[in-house]
């Protein structure tokens, strides 16, 4: 059975988050204002694995903040990890 994963990531701006949302249909796609940074937080639910989400993000010009922060919700720290 292919269960859903919930991922959390930061995006540099709302437009970047919306570009990700337009690429694929997610079961859940929530965008929230980051409490400390000018970034936005994104929470998505999908059957895709982490590698699948990263492949989608790589298609977004200037999506580096999302790519460097995306993690399973349980593992999310918000810290950027260069790819």
N, C-alpha and C. Protein backbone atom coordinates (compact mmCIF):
# COMPACT_ATOMS: atom_id res chain seq x y z
N UNK A 1 0.84 -1.19 0.00
CA UNK A 1 0.00 0.00 0.00
C UNK A 1 0.88 1.25 0.00
N UNK A 2 0.57 2.19 -0.85
CA UNK A 2 1.35 3.41 -0.97
C UNK A 2 0.71 4.50 -0.11
N UNK A 3 1.24 4.72 1.09
CA UNK A 3 0.66 5.71 1.99
C UNK A 3 1.17 7.10 1.67
N UNK A 4 0.46 8.07 2.19
CA UNK A 4 0.87 9.46 1.94
C UNK A 4 1.95 9.90 2.91
N UNK A 5 2.80 10.77 2.41
CA UNK A 5 3.84 11.40 3.21
C UNK A 5 3.48 12.87 3.35
N UNK A 6 3.81 13.44 4.49
CA UNK A 6 3.61 14.88 4.70
C UNK A 6 4.99 15.52 4.77
N UNK A 7 5.19 16.51 3.92
CA UNK A 7 6.46 17.22 3.86
C UNK A 7 6.26 18.68 4.25
N UNK A 8 7.29 19.27 4.81
CA UNK A 8 7.29 20.68 5.15
C UNK A 8 8.56 21.28 4.55
N UNK A 9 8.44 22.52 4.09
CA UNK A 9 9.59 23.23 3.52
C UNK A 9 9.35 24.72 3.60
N UNK A 10 10.40 25.48 3.40
CA UNK A 10 10.28 26.94 3.27
C UNK A 10 10.38 27.29 1.80
N UNK A 11 9.75 28.40 1.46
CA UNK A 11 9.91 28.98 0.12
C UNK A 11 10.29 30.44 0.31
N UNK A 12 11.10 30.94 -0.58
CA UNK A 12 11.56 32.31 -0.49
C UNK A 12 10.41 33.32 -0.61
N UNK A 13 9.38 32.94 -1.38
CA UNK A 13 8.25 33.84 -1.56
C UNK A 13 7.01 33.04 -1.97
N UNK A 14 5.87 33.69 -1.90
CA UNK A 14 4.60 33.06 -2.23
C UNK A 14 4.58 32.55 -3.66
N UNK A 15 5.18 33.28 -4.57
CA UNK A 15 5.18 32.88 -5.98
C UNK A 15 5.88 31.53 -6.16
N UNK A 16 6.99 31.30 -5.45
CA UNK A 16 7.67 30.01 -5.54
C UNK A 16 6.76 28.89 -5.06
N UNK A 17 6.05 29.11 -3.97
CA UNK A 17 5.12 28.11 -3.44
C UNK A 17 4.02 27.82 -4.45
N UNK A 18 3.50 28.85 -5.07
CA UNK A 18 2.44 28.68 -6.05
C UNK A 18 2.94 27.92 -7.29
N UNK A 19 4.18 28.13 -7.67
CA UNK A 19 4.75 27.39 -8.79
C UNK A 19 4.80 25.90 -8.48
N UNK A 20 5.18 25.55 -7.25
CA UNK A 20 5.19 24.14 -6.85
C UNK A 20 3.77 23.57 -6.88
N UNK A 21 2.83 24.34 -6.39
CA UNK A 21 1.44 23.89 -6.34
C UNK A 21 0.89 23.64 -7.75
N UNK A 22 1.37 24.39 -8.73
CA UNK A 22 0.86 24.24 -10.10
C UNK A 22 1.44 23.04 -10.84
N UNK A 23 2.52 22.46 -10.32
CA UNK A 23 3.19 21.36 -11.02
C UNK A 23 2.43 20.05 -10.87
N UNK A 24 1.89 19.78 -9.69
CA UNK A 24 1.27 18.48 -9.44
C UNK A 24 0.13 18.65 -8.44
N UNK A 25 -0.82 17.75 -8.47
CA UNK A 25 -1.94 17.79 -7.54
C UNK A 25 -1.51 17.12 -6.24
N UNK A 26 -1.53 17.88 -5.16
CA UNK A 26 -1.22 17.36 -3.84
C UNK A 26 -2.52 17.11 -3.09
N UNK A 27 -2.55 16.12 -2.21
CA UNK A 27 -3.74 15.87 -1.39
C UNK A 27 -4.00 17.06 -0.47
N UNK A 28 -2.93 17.60 0.07
CA UNK A 28 -3.00 18.78 0.93
C UNK A 28 -1.90 19.73 0.49
N UNK A 29 -2.20 21.01 0.44
CA UNK A 29 -1.19 22.02 0.13
C UNK A 29 -1.53 23.25 0.94
N UNK A 30 -0.78 23.48 2.01
CA UNK A 30 -1.02 24.63 2.89
C UNK A 30 0.18 25.57 2.81
N UNK A 31 -0.11 26.85 2.72
CA UNK A 31 0.92 27.88 2.71
C UNK A 31 0.67 28.78 3.92
N UNK A 32 1.72 28.99 4.71
CA UNK A 32 1.61 29.83 5.91
C UNK A 32 2.75 30.83 5.95
N UNK A 33 2.52 31.97 6.52
CA UNK A 33 3.57 32.96 6.72
C UNK A 33 4.56 32.43 7.74
N UNK A 34 5.84 32.53 7.46
CA UNK A 34 6.86 32.11 8.42
C UNK A 34 6.85 33.10 9.58
N UNK A 35 6.92 32.62 10.82
CA UNK A 35 6.83 33.53 11.97
C UNK A 35 8.04 34.44 12.17
N UNK A 36 9.20 34.06 11.64
CA UNK A 36 10.41 34.84 11.89
C UNK A 36 11.09 35.39 10.64
N UNK A 37 10.86 34.76 9.52
CA UNK A 37 11.53 35.14 8.28
C UNK A 37 10.53 35.68 7.26
N UNK A 38 11.02 36.33 6.22
CA UNK A 38 10.11 36.77 5.16
C UNK A 38 9.62 35.62 4.28
N UNK A 39 10.12 34.43 4.53
CA UNK A 39 9.75 33.23 3.76
C UNK A 39 8.30 32.82 4.07
N UNK A 40 7.82 31.84 3.31
CA UNK A 40 6.55 31.19 3.63
C UNK A 40 6.86 29.72 3.93
N UNK A 41 6.01 29.11 4.74
CA UNK A 41 6.11 27.69 5.04
C UNK A 41 5.10 26.95 4.19
N UNK A 42 5.49 25.80 3.70
CA UNK A 42 4.61 24.98 2.87
C UNK A 42 4.50 23.61 3.54
N UNK A 43 3.29 23.11 3.60
CA UNK A 43 3.03 21.76 4.11
C UNK A 43 2.21 21.04 3.05
N UNK A 44 2.74 19.91 2.57
CA UNK A 44 2.05 19.15 1.52
C UNK A 44 1.91 17.69 1.93
N UNK A 45 0.85 17.08 1.43
CA UNK A 45 0.67 15.63 1.59
C UNK A 45 0.59 15.03 0.20
N UNK A 46 1.31 13.94 0.00
CA UNK A 46 1.38 13.30 -1.30
C UNK A 46 1.86 11.86 -1.14
N UNK A 47 1.63 11.06 -2.15
CA UNK A 47 2.16 9.70 -2.16
C UNK A 47 3.60 9.66 -2.67
N UNK A 48 4.08 10.79 -3.16
CA UNK A 48 5.45 10.86 -3.66
C UNK A 48 6.45 10.70 -2.51
N UNK A 49 7.60 10.07 -2.78
CA UNK A 49 8.67 10.02 -1.78
C UNK A 49 9.45 11.34 -1.79
N UNK A 50 10.35 11.50 -0.87
CA UNK A 50 11.16 12.72 -0.79
C UNK A 50 11.90 12.97 -2.10
N UNK A 51 12.44 11.92 -2.71
CA UNK A 51 13.16 12.11 -3.97
C UNK A 51 12.23 12.63 -5.06
N UNK A 52 10.96 12.22 -5.04
CA UNK A 52 9.99 12.70 -6.02
C UNK A 52 9.68 14.17 -5.84
N UNK A 53 9.53 14.60 -4.59
CA UNK A 53 9.28 16.02 -4.30
C UNK A 53 10.48 16.85 -4.75
N UNK A 54 11.68 16.37 -4.44
CA UNK A 54 12.88 17.11 -4.82
C UNK A 54 13.00 17.23 -6.34
N UNK A 55 12.63 16.19 -7.05
CA UNK A 55 12.68 16.24 -8.53
C UNK A 55 11.74 17.31 -9.06
N UNK A 56 10.56 17.43 -8.45
CA UNK A 56 9.61 18.48 -8.86
C UNK A 56 10.17 19.87 -8.57
N UNK A 57 10.72 20.03 -7.38
CA UNK A 57 11.24 21.34 -6.98
C UNK A 57 12.38 21.78 -7.90
N UNK A 58 13.18 20.84 -8.36
CA UNK A 58 14.30 21.17 -9.25
C UNK A 58 13.83 21.79 -10.56
N UNK A 59 12.57 21.59 -10.91
CA UNK A 59 12.02 22.15 -12.14
C UNK A 59 11.61 23.62 -11.97
N UNK A 60 11.64 24.11 -10.74
CA UNK A 60 11.20 25.48 -10.46
C UNK A 60 12.40 26.41 -10.45
N UNK A 61 12.42 27.39 -11.36
CA UNK A 61 13.52 28.36 -11.33
C UNK A 61 13.53 29.06 -9.97
N UNK A 62 14.69 29.18 -9.39
CA UNK A 62 14.87 29.86 -8.11
C UNK A 62 14.15 29.14 -6.95
N UNK A 63 13.98 27.81 -7.06
CA UNK A 63 13.33 27.04 -6.00
C UNK A 63 14.31 26.48 -4.98
N UNK A 64 15.50 27.06 -4.92
CA UNK A 64 16.57 26.52 -4.08
C UNK A 64 16.23 26.47 -2.59
N UNK A 65 15.49 27.43 -2.07
CA UNK A 65 15.15 27.40 -0.64
C UNK A 65 14.25 26.20 -0.35
N UNK A 66 13.29 25.94 -1.22
CA UNK A 66 12.43 24.77 -1.04
C UNK A 66 13.27 23.49 -1.09
N UNK A 67 14.14 23.41 -2.09
CA UNK A 67 14.96 22.22 -2.27
C UNK A 67 15.87 21.97 -1.06
N UNK A 68 16.41 23.04 -0.49
CA UNK A 68 17.35 22.91 0.62
C UNK A 68 16.67 22.71 1.97
N UNK A 69 15.35 22.89 2.07
CA UNK A 69 14.68 22.76 3.36
C UNK A 69 13.63 21.65 3.41
N UNK A 70 13.26 21.07 2.28
CA UNK A 70 12.19 20.08 2.26
C UNK A 70 12.58 18.84 3.08
N UNK A 71 11.64 18.39 3.89
CA UNK A 71 11.85 17.20 4.73
C UNK A 71 10.50 16.63 5.12
N UNK A 72 10.51 15.37 5.50
CA UNK A 72 9.30 14.80 6.10
C UNK A 72 8.94 15.64 7.32
N UNK A 73 7.67 15.81 7.56
CA UNK A 73 7.23 16.68 8.65
C UNK A 73 7.91 16.33 9.98
N UNK A 74 8.05 15.05 10.27
CA UNK A 74 8.67 14.62 11.53
C UNK A 74 10.15 15.00 11.62
N UNK A 75 10.80 15.18 10.47
CA UNK A 75 12.24 15.49 10.42
C UNK A 75 12.53 16.95 10.13
N UNK A 76 11.51 17.75 9.91
CA UNK A 76 11.70 19.14 9.47
C UNK A 76 12.38 19.99 10.54
N UNK A 77 13.43 20.72 10.14
CA UNK A 77 14.11 21.64 11.05
C UNK A 77 14.04 23.08 10.54
N UNK A 78 13.79 23.26 9.25
CA UNK A 78 13.79 24.60 8.67
C UNK A 78 15.16 25.07 8.26
N UNK A 79 16.18 24.34 8.64
CA UNK A 79 17.55 24.69 8.29
C UNK A 79 17.83 24.36 6.83
N UNK A 80 18.56 25.22 6.17
CA UNK A 80 18.92 24.97 4.78
C UNK A 80 20.13 24.04 4.72
N UNK A 81 20.00 23.02 3.87
CA UNK A 81 21.08 22.07 3.64
C UNK A 81 21.40 22.12 2.16
N UNK A 82 22.55 22.68 1.80
CA UNK A 82 22.90 22.77 0.37
C UNK A 82 22.83 21.40 -0.30
N UNK A 83 22.27 21.41 -1.50
CA UNK A 83 22.09 20.16 -2.25
C UNK A 83 23.23 19.96 -3.20
